[in-house]
Amino acid sequence: MPFTLSGKSLVGRLMLSFCLLAFLLMLLVSVGSLSLYWV
């Protein structure tokens, strides 16, 4: 995979951070909807 090269490490890191941000956003939305259902 070309993403594992040292030249593309920035792209891989950016993709990893983007995936982590998307996961946190989905978690926040799910927790928010659950708290909304509980209230």
Protein backbone atom coordinates (compact mmCIF):
# COMPACT_ATOMS: atom_id res chain seq x y z
CA MET A 1 0.00 0.00 0.00
CA PRO A 2 1.40 3.43 -0.96
CA PHE A 3 -0.08 5.03 2.16
CA THR A 4 2.48 3.26 4.37
CA LEU A 5 5.41 5.10 2.74
CA SER A 6 7.10 7.90 4.66
CA GLY A 7 6.10 10.36 1.93
CA LYS A 8 2.42 9.56 2.34
CA SER A 9 2.44 9.35 6.14
CA LEU A 10 0.76 12.76 6.32
CA VAL A 11 -2.11 11.54 4.13
CA GLY A 12 -2.49 8.39 6.24
CA ARG A 13 -2.46 10.42 9.43
CA LEU A 14 -5.07 12.79 7.99
CA MET A 15 -7.31 9.89 6.98
CA LEU A 16 -6.91 8.29 10.42
CA SER A 17 -7.78 11.54 12.21
CA PHE A 18 -10.78 12.04 9.90
CA CYS A 19 -12.06 8.52 10.62
CA LEU A 20 -11.59 9.10 14.36
CA LEU A 21 -13.45 12.41 14.15
CA ALA A 22 -16.32 10.78 12.23
CA PHE A 23 -16.50 7.98 14.83
CA LEU A 24 -16.60 10.51 17.69
CA LEU A 25 -19.31 12.48 15.88
CA MET A 26 -21.43 9.34 15.41
CA LEU A 27 -20.93 8.43 19.08
CA LEU A 28 -21.96 11.94 20.17
CA VAL A 29 -25.08 11.82 17.97
CA SER A 30 -26.07 8.37 19.28
CA VAL A 31 -25.57 9.43 22.91
CA GLY A 32 -27.51 12.64 22.26
CA SER A 33 -30.43 10.73 20.72
CA LEU A 34 -30.41 8.23 23.60
CA SER A 35 -30.48 11.03 26.19
CA LEU A 36 -33.28 12.68 24.20
CA TYR A 37 -35.27 9.43 24.33
CA TRP A 38 -34.69 9.07 28.07
CA VAL A 39 -35.96 12.59 28.83
